Amino acid sequence: MLRFILRRIVVATVTLLVASVVLFAAIRLLPGDEVRGMFGFGGASPAAMEAVRERLGYDQPFLVQYWRFLEDFLRLDFGTSMRGESVRDVIGSSIGPTARILAGVAVLQVLLGPLLLWLSLRRPRSRLDRLTATATVVLVSIPTLVAAFMLQAILVYWTDILQSPDWIYAPDPAAGWRNYVMPVLALGLGTSAHLAMVGRVELLSVLSTPFITTARAFGVPYQRIIRVDAARPAAGAVVQLLAANLAVLLTGLIVVEDVFGVPGMASALLSAIEAQDRILMLTMLMLVLTVVMAVNTIADVVHGLIDPRVREAGL
């Protein structure tokens, strides 16, 4: 097992390094001159711009620039953005709302995903199974942007459960957790349904295997087979899906935070893109890349712990 874990860590580290080089190169090759943009339309003397480029290390070869960025990133020294703001302060002020949304989505997935799966498999091919399967397909099919506007229409305009669109993320902090109801639902309903859908496919695949058929022939209750015998082999794929969903969630965050005006990391990233603030862009995308790789590596290890076949095959 130790060898399997070490192999996963090595693969993740190499992948992260290669991806970071590609990301760094892509940001550096974006059209436009951010140094010139810092001085506005009035421009500045060539000497002043050259001094800024030298301070930022833009006069150095590509590999030197990359190594300098990587060293600073590993030390958590993110530096100053092109707009003169501390990158660490920008991330620190925006990570809270984003973390709360992701935590709410995780709770929703843990509660709603298994519930939909249990309702579907409680009585296979029954009316309840067909109804649950239909609801799952509908939830998966709704794009995040459409879900966000539908929730606004239902919870604000039609039912007045929430007071008004302007109330969301208003300066008054008394709103509390209600600020996060619609963002969490818009982002979590589809991913929860996707989790239930994949779990159902995996469980049905396990239920058709010979050892499950033998267990049923010996009179083992169906509900026990679902909860114990079939759950463990199917759990590995579900864990992998939860990790893979993180990248989907981070993409959906851009839509959700923009629609609901959430002052989170996705909104900060959009502002950095609009301002062509490449230092802030590069740091935030590198953080996202690191988190995604770490979560997927943990999921690989957990999958290996759950299913011995995975670690024996070295997958």
C-alpha atoms as a PDB file:
ATOM      1  CA  MET A   1       0.000   0.000   0.000  1.00  0.00           C
ATOM      2  CA  LEU A   2       2.894   2.364   0.795  1.00  0.00           C
ATOM      3  CA  ARG A   3       4.314   1.837  -2.681  1.00  0.00           C
ATOM      4  CA  PHE A   4       0.922   2.606  -4.204  1.00  0.00           C
ATOM      5  CA  ILE A   5       0.655   5.867  -2.210  1.00  0.00           C
ATOM      6  CA  LEU A   6       4.198   6.926  -3.127  1.00  0.00           C
ATOM      7  CA  ARG A   7       3.509   6.203  -6.786  1.00  0.00           C
ATOM      8  CA  ARG A   8       0.374   8.374  -6.678  1.00  0.00           C
ATOM      9  CA  ILE A   9       2.275  11.220  -5.023  1.00  0.00           C
ATOM     10  CA  VAL A  10       5.101  11.074  -7.571  1.00  0.00           C
ATOM     11  CA  VAL A  11       2.670  11.033 -10.502  1.00  0.00           C
ATOM     12  CA  ALA A  12       0.718  13.948  -9.044  1.00  0.00           C
ATOM     13  CA  THR A  13       3.887  15.981  -8.428  1.00  0.00           C
ATOM     14  CA  VAL A  14       5.210  15.457 -11.950  1.00  0.00           C
ATOM     15  CA  THR A  15       1.808  16.239 -13.442  1.00  0.00           C
ATOM     16  CA  LEU A  16       1.538  19.401 -11.357  1.00  0.00           C
ATOM     17  CA  LEU A  17       4.991  20.588 -12.429  1.00  0.00           C
ATOM     18  CA  VAL A  18       4.277  19.984 -16.119  1.00  0.00           C
ATOM     19  CA  ALA A  19       0.877  21.678 -15.855  1.00  0.00           C
ATOM     20  CA  SER A  20       2.410  24.644 -14.028  1.00  0.00           C
ATOM     21  CA  VAL A  21       4.951  25.151 -16.844  1.00  0.00           C
ATOM     22  CA  VAL A  22       2.154  25.073 -19.431  1.00  0.00           C
ATOM     23  CA  LEU A  23       0.055  27.478 -17.342  1.00  0.00           C
ATOM     24  CA  PHE A  24       2.965  29.861 -16.810  1.00  0.00           C
ATOM     25  CA  ALA A  25       3.781  29.856 -20.529  1.00  0.00           C
ATOM     26  CA  ALA A  26       0.140  30.383 -21.512  1.00  0.00           C
ATOM     27  CA  ILE A  27      -0.210  33.404 -19.198  1.00  0.00           C
ATOM     28  CA  ARG A  28       3.075  34.875 -20.411  1.00  0.00           C
ATOM     29  CA  LEU A  29       2.065  34.445 -24.081  1.00  0.00           C
ATOM     30  CA  LEU A  30      -1.232  36.299 -23.722  1.00  0.00           C
ATOM     31  CA  PRO A  31      -1.431  39.253 -26.128  1.00  0.00           C
ATOM     32  CA  GLY A  32      -0.908  42.758 -24.809  1.00  0.00           C
ATOM     33  CA  ASP A  33       1.649  44.451 -22.599  1.00  0.00           C
ATOM     34  CA  GLU A  34       0.547  44.519 -18.955  1.00  0.00           C
ATOM     35  CA  VAL A  35       3.442  46.776 -17.967  1.00  0.00           C
ATOM     36  CA  ARG A  36       2.312  49.415 -20.449  1.00  0.00           C
ATOM     37  CA  GLY A  37      -1.251  48.940 -19.194  1.00  0.00           C
ATOM     38  CA  MET A  38      -0.148  49.822 -15.653  1.00  0.00           C
ATOM     39  CA  PHE A  39       0.618  53.369 -16.781  1.00  0.00           C
ATOM     40  CA  GLY A  40      -2.756  53.929 -18.480  1.00  0.00           C
ATOM     41  CA  PHE A  41      -3.385  55.821 -21.680  1.00  0.00           C
ATOM     42  CA  GLY A  42      -0.909  58.549 -20.768  1.00  0.00           C
ATOM     43  CA  GLY A  43       1.950  56.132 -21.063  1.00  0.00           C
ATOM     44  CA  ALA A  44       5.324  56.552 -19.426  1.00  0.00           C
ATOM     45  CA  SER A  45       8.914  56.932 -20.372  1.00  0.00           C
ATOM     46  CA  PRO A  46      10.682  53.862 -21.728  1.00  0.00           C
ATOM     47  CA  ALA A  47      13.063  54.013 -18.778  1.00  0.00           C
ATOM     48  CA  ALA A  48      10.186  53.825 -16.258  1.00  0.00           C
ATOM     49  CA  MET A  49       8.616  50.843 -18.029  1.00  0.00           C
ATOM     50  CA  GLU A  50      11.956  49.102 -18.282  1.00  0.00           C
ATOM     51  CA  ALA A  51      12.468  49.588 -14.538  1.00  0.00           C
ATOM     52  CA  VAL A  52       9.102  47.921 -13.844  1.00  0.00           C
ATOM     53  CA  ARG A  53       9.924  45.026 -16.168  1.00  0.00           C
ATOM     54  CA  GLU A  54      13.238  44.561 -14.369  1.00  0.00           C
ATOM     55  CA  ARG A  55      11.499  44.626 -10.970  1.00  0.00           C
ATOM     56  CA  LEU A  56       9.029  41.978 -12.128  1.00  0.00           C
ATOM     57  CA  GLY A  57      11.803  39.864 -13.666  1.00  0.00           C
ATOM     58  CA  TYR A  58      10.434  40.154 -17.203  1.00  0.00           C
ATOM     59  CA  ASP A  59      13.925  40.872 -18.514  1.00  0.00           C
ATOM     60  CA  GLN A  60      15.034  37.381 -17.482  1.00  0.00           C
ATOM     61  CA  PRO A  61      14.834  34.184 -19.616  1.00  0.00           C
ATOM     62  CA  PHE A  62      11.629  32.178 -19.444  1.00  0.00           C
ATOM     63  CA  LEU A  63      12.988  29.372 -17.247  1.00  0.00           C
ATOM     64  CA  VAL A  64      14.459  31.874 -14.799  1.00  0.00           C
ATOM     65  CA  GLN A  65      11.106  33.646 -14.551  1.00  0.00           C
ATOM     66  CA  TYR A  66       9.319  30.339 -14.014  1.00  0.00           C
ATOM     67  CA  TRP A  67      11.755  29.163 -11.329  1.00  0.00           C
ATOM     68  CA  ARG A  68      11.444  32.483  -9.523  1.00  0.00           C
ATOM     69  CA  PHE A  69       7.654  32.226  -9.600  1.00  0.00           C
ATOM     70  CA  LEU A  70       7.721  28.598  -8.391  1.00  0.00           C
ATOM     71  CA  GLU A  71      10.030  29.425  -5.476  1.00  0.00           C
ATOM     72  CA  ASP A  72       7.836  32.345  -4.401  1.00  0.00           C
ATOM     73  CA  PHE A  73       4.695  30.216  -4.737  1.00  0.00           C
ATOM     74  CA  LEU A  74       6.108  27.414  -2.587  1.00  0.00           C
ATOM     75  CA  ARG A  75       7.021  29.985   0.061  1.00  0.00           C
ATOM     76  CA  LEU A  76       3.480  31.399  -0.187  1.00  0.00           C
ATOM     77  CA  ASP A  77       5.028  34.711  -1.179  1.00  0.00           C
ATOM     78  CA  PHE A  78       2.524  35.722  -3.840  1.00  0.00           C
ATOM     79  CA  GLY A  79       3.807  39.251  -4.243  1.00  0.00           C
ATOM     80  CA  THR A  80       1.869  42.273  -5.491  1.00  0.00           C
ATOM     81  CA  SER A  81      -0.636  42.373  -8.320  1.00  0.00           C
ATOM     82  CA  MET A  82      -0.284  44.675 -11.314  1.00  0.00           C
ATOM     83  CA  ARG A  83      -2.807  46.997  -9.638  1.00  0.00           C
ATOM     84  CA  GLY A  84      -0.614  47.363  -6.567  1.00  0.00           C
ATOM     85  CA  GLU A  85      -2.688  45.091  -4.302  1.00  0.00           C
ATOM     86  CA  SER A  86      -1.263  42.312  -2.190  1.00  0.00           C
ATOM     87  CA  VAL A  87      -2.158  39.047  -3.922  1.00  0.00           C
ATOM     88  CA  ARG A  88      -2.348  37.297  -0.543  1.00  0.00           C
ATOM     89  CA  ASP A  89      -4.850  39.911   0.700  1.00  0.00           C
ATOM     90  CA  VAL A  90      -6.993  39.551  -2.425  1.00  0.00           C
ATOM     91  CA  ILE A  91      -7.078  35.765  -2.032  1.00  0.00           C
ATOM     92  CA  GLY A  92      -7.657  35.997   1.721  1.00  0.00           C
ATOM     93  CA  SER A  93     -10.634  38.334   1.337  1.00  0.00           C
ATOM     94  CA  SER A  94     -12.265  36.271  -1.413  1.00  0.00           C
ATOM     95  CA  ILE A  95     -11.645  32.696  -0.286  1.00  0.00           C
ATOM     96  CA  GLY A  96     -14.228  32.796   2.551  1.00  0.00           C
ATOM     97  CA  PRO A  97     -17.429  33.074   0.431  1.00  0.00           C
ATOM     98  CA  THR A  98     -16.095  30.529  -2.055  1.00  0.00           C
ATOM     99  CA  ALA A  99     -15.205  28.061   0.714  1.00  0.00           C
ATOM    100  CA  ARG A 100     -18.688  28.414   2.234  1.00  0.00           C
ATOM    101  CA  ILE A 101     -20.343  27.683  -1.107  1.00  0.00           C
ATOM    102  CA  LEU A 102     -18.153  24.625  -1.716  1.00  0.00           C
ATOM    103  CA  ALA A 103     -18.802  23.378   1.828  1.00  0.00           C
ATOM    104  CA  GLY A 104     -22.546  23.749   1.303  1.00  0.00           C
ATOM    105  CA  VAL A 105     -22.330  21.890  -2.011  1.00  0.00           C
ATOM    106  CA  ALA A 106     -20.365  19.082  -0.333  1.00  0.00           C
ATOM    107  CA  VAL A 107     -23.051  18.721   2.354  1.00  0.00           C
ATOM    108  CA  LEU A 108     -25.776  18.721  -0.312  1.00  0.00           C
ATOM    109  CA  GLN A 109     -23.962  16.028  -2.291  1.00  0.00           C
ATOM    110  CA  VAL A 110     -23.524  13.838   0.784  1.00  0.00           C
ATOM    111  CA  LEU A 111     -27.220  14.149   1.683  1.00  0.00           C
ATOM    112  CA  LEU A 112     -29.033  14.325  -1.658  1.00  0.00           C
ATOM    113  CA  GLY A 113     -26.855  11.996  -3.738  1.00  0.00           C
ATOM    114  CA  PRO A 114     -27.233   8.908  -1.502  1.00  0.00           C
ATOM    115  CA  LEU A 115     -30.930   9.703  -0.993  1.00  0.00           C
ATOM    116  CA  LEU A 116     -31.620   9.685  -4.733  1.00  0.00           C
ATOM    117  CA  LEU A 117     -29.560   6.515  -5.073  1.00  0.00           C
ATOM    118  CA  TRP A 118     -31.445   4.769  -2.245  1.00  0.00           C
ATOM    119  CA  LEU A 119     -34.844   5.766  -3.659  1.00  0.00           C
ATOM    120  CA  SER A 120     -33.837   4.462  -7.074  1.00  0.00           C
ATOM    121  CA  LEU A 121     -32.507   1.091  -5.883  1.00  0.00           C
ATOM    122  CA  ARG A 122     -35.002   0.474  -3.091  1.00  0.00           C
ATOM    123  CA  ARG A 123     -37.372  -1.142  -5.573  1.00  0.00           C
ATOM    124  CA  PRO A 124     -35.735  -1.517  -8.991  1.00  0.00           C
ATOM    125  CA  ARG A 125     -37.995  -1.029 -12.029  1.00  0.00           C
ATOM    126  CA  SER A 126     -40.792   0.290  -9.829  1.00  0.00           C
ATOM    127  CA  ARG A 127     -42.658   3.569 -10.317  1.00  0.00           C
ATOM    128  CA  LEU A 128     -40.469   5.166  -7.647  1.00  0.00           C
ATOM    129  CA  ASP A 129     -37.334   4.011  -9.497  1.00  0.00           C
ATOM    130  CA  ARG A 130     -38.570   5.513 -12.781  1.00  0.00           C
ATOM    131  CA  LEU A 131     -39.604   8.761 -11.095  1.00  0.00           C
ATOM    132  CA  THR A 132     -36.234   9.089  -9.343  1.00  0.00           C
ATOM    133  CA  ALA A 133     -34.327   8.289 -12.537  1.00  0.00           C
ATOM    134  CA  THR A 134     -36.305  10.950 -14.428  1.00  0.00           C
ATOM    135  CA  ALA A 135     -35.669  13.562 -11.736  1.00  0.00           C
ATOM    136  CA  THR A 136     -31.964  12.699 -11.757  1.00  0.00           C
ATOM    137  CA  VAL A 137     -31.677  13.081 -15.534  1.00  0.00           C
ATOM    138  CA  VAL A 138     -33.526  16.414 -15.427  1.00  0.00           C
ATOM    139  CA  LEU A 139     -31.264  17.796 -12.681  1.00  0.00           C
ATOM    140  CA  VAL A 140     -28.120  16.691 -14.504  1.00  0.00           C
ATOM    141  CA  SER A 141     -29.335  18.205 -17.772  1.00  0.00           C
ATOM    142  CA  ILE A 142     -29.967  21.712 -16.425  1.00  0.00           C
ATOM    143  CA  PRO A 143     -26.930  23.982 -17.005  1.00  0.00           C
ATOM    144  CA  THR A 144     -25.635  25.878 -13.993  1.00  0.00           C
ATOM    145  CA  LEU A 145     -26.507  29.250 -15.540  1.00  0.00           C
ATOM    146  CA  VAL A 146     -30.096  28.181 -16.209  1.00  0.00           C
ATOM    147  CA  ALA A 147     -30.398  26.717 -12.700  1.00  0.00           C
ATOM    148  CA  ALA A 148     -29.193  29.995 -11.183  1.00  0.00           C
ATOM    149  CA  PHE A 149     -31.806  32.073 -13.008  1.00  0.00           C
ATOM    150  CA  MET A 150     -34.552  29.519 -12.320  1.00  0.00           C
ATOM    151  CA  LEU A 151     -33.776  29.622  -8.599  1.00  0.00           C
ATOM    152  CA  GLN A 152     -33.912  33.405  -8.655  1.00  0.00           C
ATOM    153  CA  ALA A 153     -37.305  33.264 -10.357  1.00  0.00           C
ATOM    154  CA  ILE A 154     -38.715  30.629  -7.961  1.00  0.00           C
ATOM    155  CA  LEU A 155     -37.263  31.786  -4.653  1.00  0.00           C
ATOM    156  CA  VAL A 156     -37.408  35.536  -5.230  1.00  0.00           C
ATOM    157  CA  TYR A 157     -40.023  36.527  -7.770  1.00  0.00           C
ATOM    158  CA  TRP A 158     -42.655  33.775  -7.568  1.00  0.00           C
ATOM    159  CA  THR A 159     -42.623  32.741  -3.908  1.00  0.00           C
ATOM    160  CA  ASP A 160     -40.846  35.693  -2.233  1.00  0.00           C
ATOM    161  CA  ILE A 161     -38.930  33.289   0.025  1.00  0.00           C
ATOM    162  CA  LEU A 162     -35.956  35.593  -0.445  1.00  0.00           C
ATOM    163  CA  GLN A 163     -36.712  39.288  -0.186  1.00  0.00           C
ATOM    164  CA  SER A 164     -35.239  40.612  -3.447  1.00  0.00           C
ATOM    165  CA  PRO A 165     -32.280  40.119  -5.782  1.00  0.00           C
ATOM    166  CA  ASP A 166     -30.618  43.203  -4.270  1.00  0.00           C
ATOM    167  CA  TRP A 167     -30.794  41.578  -0.835  1.00  0.00           C
ATOM    168  CA  ILE A 168     -28.310  38.887  -1.849  1.00  0.00           C
ATOM    169  CA  TYR A 169     -24.878  39.751  -0.511  1.00  0.00           C
ATOM    170  CA  ALA A 170     -26.161  43.092   0.766  1.00  0.00           C
ATOM    171  CA  PRO A 171     -23.848  45.007   3.124  1.00  0.00           C
ATOM    172  CA  ASP A 172     -26.065  44.022   6.074  1.00  0.00           C
ATOM    173  CA  PRO A 173     -24.447  40.835   7.487  1.00  0.00           C
ATOM    174  CA  ALA A 174     -27.690  39.827   9.243  1.00  0.00           C
ATOM    175  CA  ALA A 175     -28.690  37.777   6.194  1.00  0.00           C
ATOM    176  CA  GLY A 176     -26.150  35.136   7.269  1.00  0.00           C
ATOM    177  CA  TRP A 177     -26.446  31.660   5.761  1.00  0.00           C
ATOM    178  CA  ARG A 178     -29.400  32.677   3.582  1.00  0.00           C
ATOM    179  CA  ASN A 179     -26.930  34.449   1.311  1.00  0.00           C
ATOM    180  CA  TYR A 180     -25.665  31.046   0.224  1.00  0.00           C
ATOM    181  CA  VAL A 181     -28.950  29.191  -0.388  1.00  0.00           C
ATOM    182  CA  MET A 182     -29.264  29.887  -4.108  1.00  0.00           C
ATOM    183  CA  PRO A 183     -25.540  29.583  -4.988  1.00  0.00           C
ATOM    184  CA  VAL A 184     -25.318  26.223  -3.210  1.00  0.00           C
ATOM    185  CA  LEU A 185     -28.495  24.891  -4.841  1.00  0.00           C
ATOM    186  CA  ALA A 186     -27.511  26.140  -8.312  1.00  0.00           C
ATOM    187  CA  LEU A 187     -24.136  24.447  -8.052  1.00  0.00           C
ATOM    188  CA  GLY A 188     -25.035  21.374  -5.987  1.00  0.00           C
ATOM    189  CA  LEU A 189     -28.286  19.985  -7.408  1.00  0.00           C
ATOM    190  CA  GLY A 190     -26.797  18.868 -10.709  1.00  0.00           C
ATOM    191  CA  THR A 191     -23.622  17.428  -9.199  1.00  0.00           C
ATOM    192  CA  SER A 192     -25.628  15.557  -6.541  1.00  0.00           C
ATOM    193  CA  ALA A 193     -27.837  14.034  -9.221  1.00  0.00           C
ATOM    194  CA  HIS A 194     -24.757  13.108 -11.268  1.00  0.00           C
ATOM    195  CA  LEU A 195     -23.332  11.389  -8.201  1.00  0.00           C
ATOM    196  CA  ALA A 196     -26.539   9.380  -7.765  1.00  0.00           C
ATOM    197  CA  MET A 197     -26.582   8.471 -11.466  1.00  0.00           C
ATOM    198  CA  VAL A 198     -23.014   7.160 -11.478  1.00  0.00           C
ATOM    199  CA  GLY A 199     -23.567   5.368  -8.162  1.00  0.00           C
ATOM    200  CA  ARG A 200     -26.642   3.647  -9.579  1.00  0.00           C
ATOM    201  CA  VAL A 201     -24.761   2.455 -12.676  1.00  0.00           C
ATOM    202  CA  GLU A 202     -21.878   1.158 -10.553  1.00  0.00           C
ATOM    203  CA  LEU A 203     -24.167  -0.634  -8.102  1.00  0.00           C
ATOM    204  CA  LEU A 204     -26.182  -2.275 -10.870  1.00  0.00           C
ATOM    205  CA  SER A 205     -22.908  -3.418 -12.451  1.00  0.00           C
ATOM    206  CA  VAL A 206     -21.771  -4.947  -9.154  1.00  0.00           C
ATOM    207  CA  LEU A 207     -25.176  -6.555  -8.589  1.00  0.00           C
ATOM    208  CA  SER A 208     -24.770  -8.502 -11.833  1.00  0.00           C
ATOM    209  CA  THR A 209     -21.483 -10.095 -10.755  1.00  0.00           C
ATOM    210  CA  PRO A 210     -21.318 -13.814  -9.798  1.00  0.00           C
ATOM    211  CA  PHE A 211     -20.541 -13.297  -6.097  1.00  0.00           C
ATOM    212  CA  ILE A 212     -23.689 -11.170  -5.660  1.00  0.00           C
ATOM    213  CA  THR A 213     -25.747 -13.793  -7.502  1.00  0.00           C
ATOM    214  CA  THR A 214     -24.335 -16.429  -5.150  1.00  0.00           C
ATOM    215  CA  ALA A 215     -25.163 -14.312  -2.104  1.00  0.00           C
ATOM    216  CA  ARG A 216     -28.761 -13.892  -3.253  1.00  0.00           C
ATOM    217  CA  ALA A 217     -28.986 -17.629  -3.937  1.00  0.00           C
ATOM    218  CA  PHE A 218     -28.005 -18.269  -0.314  1.00  0.00           C
ATOM    219  CA  GLY A 219     -30.842 -16.041   0.821  1.00  0.00           C
ATOM    220  CA  VAL A 220     -28.920 -12.915   1.846  1.00  0.00           C
ATOM    221  CA  PRO A 221     -31.475 -10.057   2.069  1.00  0.00           C
ATOM    222  CA  TYR A 222     -31.455  -7.643  -0.849  1.00  0.00           C
ATOM    223  CA  GLN A 223     -31.108  -4.559   1.348  1.00  0.00           C
ATOM    224  CA  ARG A 224     -28.048  -6.038   3.069  1.00  0.00           C
ATOM    225  CA  ILE A 225     -26.482  -6.803  -0.303  1.00  0.00           C
ATOM    226  CA  ILE A 226     -27.026  -3.172  -1.358  1.00  0.00           C
ATOM    227  CA  ARG A 227     -25.701  -1.675   1.888  1.00  0.00           C
ATOM    228  CA  VAL A 228     -22.755  -4.018   2.509  1.00  0.00           C
ATOM    229  CA  ASP A 229     -21.736  -6.423  -0.239  1.00  0.00           C
ATOM    230  CA  ALA A 230     -22.251  -4.198  -3.304  1.00  0.00           C
ATOM    231  CA  ALA A 231     -21.561  -0.813  -1.717  1.00  0.00           C
ATOM    232  CA  ARG A 232     -17.813  -1.219  -1.212  1.00  0.00           C
ATOM    233  CA  PRO A 233     -16.871  -2.218  -4.800  1.00  0.00           C
ATOM    234  CA  ALA A 234     -19.026   0.633  -6.140  1.00  0.00           C
ATOM    235  CA  ALA A 235     -17.775   3.214  -3.642  1.00  0.00           C
ATOM    236  CA  GLY A 236     -14.419   3.637  -5.361  1.00  0.00           C
ATOM    237  CA  ALA A 237     -15.952   5.044  -8.544  1.00  0.00           C
ATOM    238  CA  VAL A 238     -18.124   7.375  -6.464  1.00  0.00           C
ATOM    239  CA  VAL A 239     -15.064   8.701  -4.612  1.00  0.00           C
ATOM    240  CA  GLN A 240     -13.313   9.322  -7.918  1.00  0.00           C
ATOM    241  CA  LEU A 241     -16.388  11.155  -9.205  1.00  0.00           C
ATOM    242  CA  LEU A 242     -16.494  13.373  -6.115  1.00  0.00           C
ATOM    243  CA  ALA A 243     -12.888  14.374  -6.763  1.00  0.00           C
ATOM    244  CA  ALA A 244     -13.508  14.907 -10.475  1.00  0.00           C
ATOM    245  CA  ASN A 245     -16.551  17.028  -9.635  1.00  0.00           C
ATOM    246  CA  LEU A 246     -14.265  19.547  -7.944  1.00  0.00           C
ATOM    247  CA  ALA A 247     -13.019  20.792 -11.317  1.00  0.00           C
ATOM    248  CA  VAL A 248     -16.634  21.048 -12.514  1.00  0.00           C
ATOM    249  CA  LEU A 249     -17.570  22.941  -9.351  1.00  0.00           C
ATOM    250  CA  LEU A 250     -14.717  25.391  -9.783  1.00  0.00           C
ATOM    251  CA  THR A 251     -15.883  26.072 -13.337  1.00  0.00           C
ATOM    252  CA  GLY A 252     -19.473  26.481 -12.176  1.00  0.00           C
ATOM    253  CA  LEU A 253     -18.330  28.879  -9.462  1.00  0.00           C
ATOM    254  CA  ILE A 254     -17.501  31.444 -12.140  1.00  0.00           C
ATOM    255  CA  VAL A 255     -21.118  31.374 -13.320  1.00  0.00           C
ATOM    256  CA  VAL A 256     -22.677  31.266  -9.850  1.00  0.00           C
ATOM    257  CA  GLU A 257     -20.561  34.004  -8.319  1.00  0.00           C
ATOM    258  CA  ASP A 258     -21.160  36.247 -11.320  1.00  0.00           C
ATOM    259  CA  VAL A 259     -24.947  35.728 -11.336  1.00  0.00           C
ATOM    260  CA  PHE A 260     -25.416  36.153  -7.584  1.00  0.00           C
ATOM    261  CA  GLY A 261     -22.728  38.767  -7.060  1.00  0.00           C
ATOM    262  CA  VAL A 262     -20.688  36.629  -4.695  1.00  0.00           C
ATOM    263  CA  PRO A 263     -17.423  38.352  -3.681  1.00  0.00           C
ATOM    264  CA  GLY A 264     -15.473  35.102  -3.998  1.00  0.00           C
ATOM    265  CA  MET A 265     -12.375  33.807  -5.743  1.00  0.00           C
ATOM    266  CA  ALA A 266     -14.109  33.300  -9.090  1.00  0.00           C
ATOM    267  CA  SER A 267     -15.210  36.938  -9.082  1.00  0.00           C
ATOM    268  CA  ALA A 268     -11.661  38.009  -8.177  1.00  0.00           C
ATOM    269  CA  LEU A 269     -10.314  35.872 -11.031  1.00  0.00           C
ATOM    270  CA  LEU A 270     -12.764  37.443 -13.492  1.00  0.00           C
ATOM    271  CA  SER A 271     -11.703  40.909 -12.349  1.00  0.00           C
ATOM    272  CA  ALA A 272      -8.053  39.938 -12.823  1.00  0.00           C
ATOM    273  CA  ILE A 273      -8.790  38.701 -16.356  1.00  0.00           C
ATOM    274  CA  GLU A 274     -10.653  41.882 -17.256  1.00  0.00           C
ATOM    275  CA  ALA A 275      -7.787  44.016 -15.885  1.00  0.00           C
ATOM    276  CA  GLN A 276      -5.150  41.783 -17.526  1.00  0.00           C
ATOM    277  CA  ASP A 277      -3.560  41.350 -14.098  1.00  0.00           C
ATOM    278  CA  ARG A 278      -1.374  38.410 -15.035  1.00  0.00           C
ATOM    279  CA  ILE A 279       0.324  38.054 -11.652  1.00  0.00           C
ATOM    280  CA  LEU A 280      -3.004  37.642  -9.850  1.00  0.00           C
ATOM    281  CA  MET A 281      -4.352  35.412 -12.628  1.00  0.00           C
ATOM    282  CA  LEU A 282      -1.324  33.132 -12.541  1.00  0.00           C
ATOM    283  CA  THR A 283      -1.307  32.815  -8.746  1.00  0.00           C
ATOM    284  CA  MET A 284      -5.035  32.046  -8.465  1.00  0.00           C
ATOM    285  CA  LEU A 285      -5.000  29.515 -11.308  1.00  0.00           C
ATOM    286  CA  MET A 286      -1.928  27.850  -9.800  1.00  0.00           C
ATOM    287  CA  LEU A 287      -3.749  27.570  -6.461  1.00  0.00           C
ATOM    288  CA  VAL A 288      -6.753  26.010  -8.181  1.00  0.00           C
ATOM    289  CA  LEU A 289      -4.497  23.592 -10.057  1.00  0.00           C
ATOM    290  CA  THR A 290      -2.752  22.576  -6.831  1.00  0.00           C
ATOM    291  CA  VAL A 291      -6.021  21.991  -4.968  1.00  0.00           C
ATOM    292  CA  VAL A 292      -7.491  19.922  -7.819  1.00  0.00           C
ATOM    293  CA  MET A 293      -4.367  17.749  -8.060  1.00  0.00           C
ATOM    294  CA  ALA A 294      -4.225  17.259  -4.270  1.00  0.00           C
ATOM    295  CA  VAL A 295      -7.887  16.258  -4.037  1.00  0.00           C
ATOM    296  CA  ASN A 296      -7.615  13.834  -6.950  1.00  0.00           C
ATOM    297  CA  THR A 297      -4.492  12.256  -5.438  1.00  0.00           C
ATOM    298  CA  ILE A 298      -6.301  11.763  -2.132  1.00  0.00           C
ATOM    299  CA  ALA A 299      -9.217  10.229  -4.032  1.00  0.00           C
ATOM    300  CA  ASP A 300      -6.842   7.801  -5.789  1.00  0.00           C
ATOM    301  CA  VAL A 301      -5.418   6.698  -2.426  1.00  0.00           C
ATOM    302  CA  VAL A 302      -8.889   6.294  -0.902  1.00  0.00           C
ATOM    303  CA  HIS A 303      -9.969   4.301  -3.967  1.00  0.00           C
ATOM    304  CA  GLY A 304      -6.978   2.022  -3.465  1.00  0.00           C
ATOM    305  CA  LEU A 305      -7.880   1.543   0.198  1.00  0.00           C
ATOM    306  CA  ILE A 306     -11.477   0.691  -0.685  1.00  0.00           C
ATOM    307  CA  ASP A 307     -10.758  -1.608  -3.626  1.00  0.00           C
ATOM    308  CA  PRO A 308      -7.650  -3.850  -3.404  1.00  0.00           C
ATOM    309  CA  ARG A 309      -7.881  -4.547  -7.143  1.00  0.00           C
ATOM    310  CA  VAL A 310      -6.912  -0.946  -7.885  1.00  0.00           C
ATOM    311  CA  ARG A 311      -3.696  -0.946  -5.878  1.00  0.00           C
ATOM    312  CA  GLU A 312      -2.765  -4.450  -7.074  1.00  0.00           C
ATOM    313  CA  ALA A 313      -3.121  -3.316 -10.663  1.00  0.00           C
ATOM    314  CA  GLY A 314      -1.150  -0.145  -9.880  1.00  0.00           C
ATOM    315  CA  LEU A 315      -3.852   2.048 -11.446  1.00  0.00           C
END
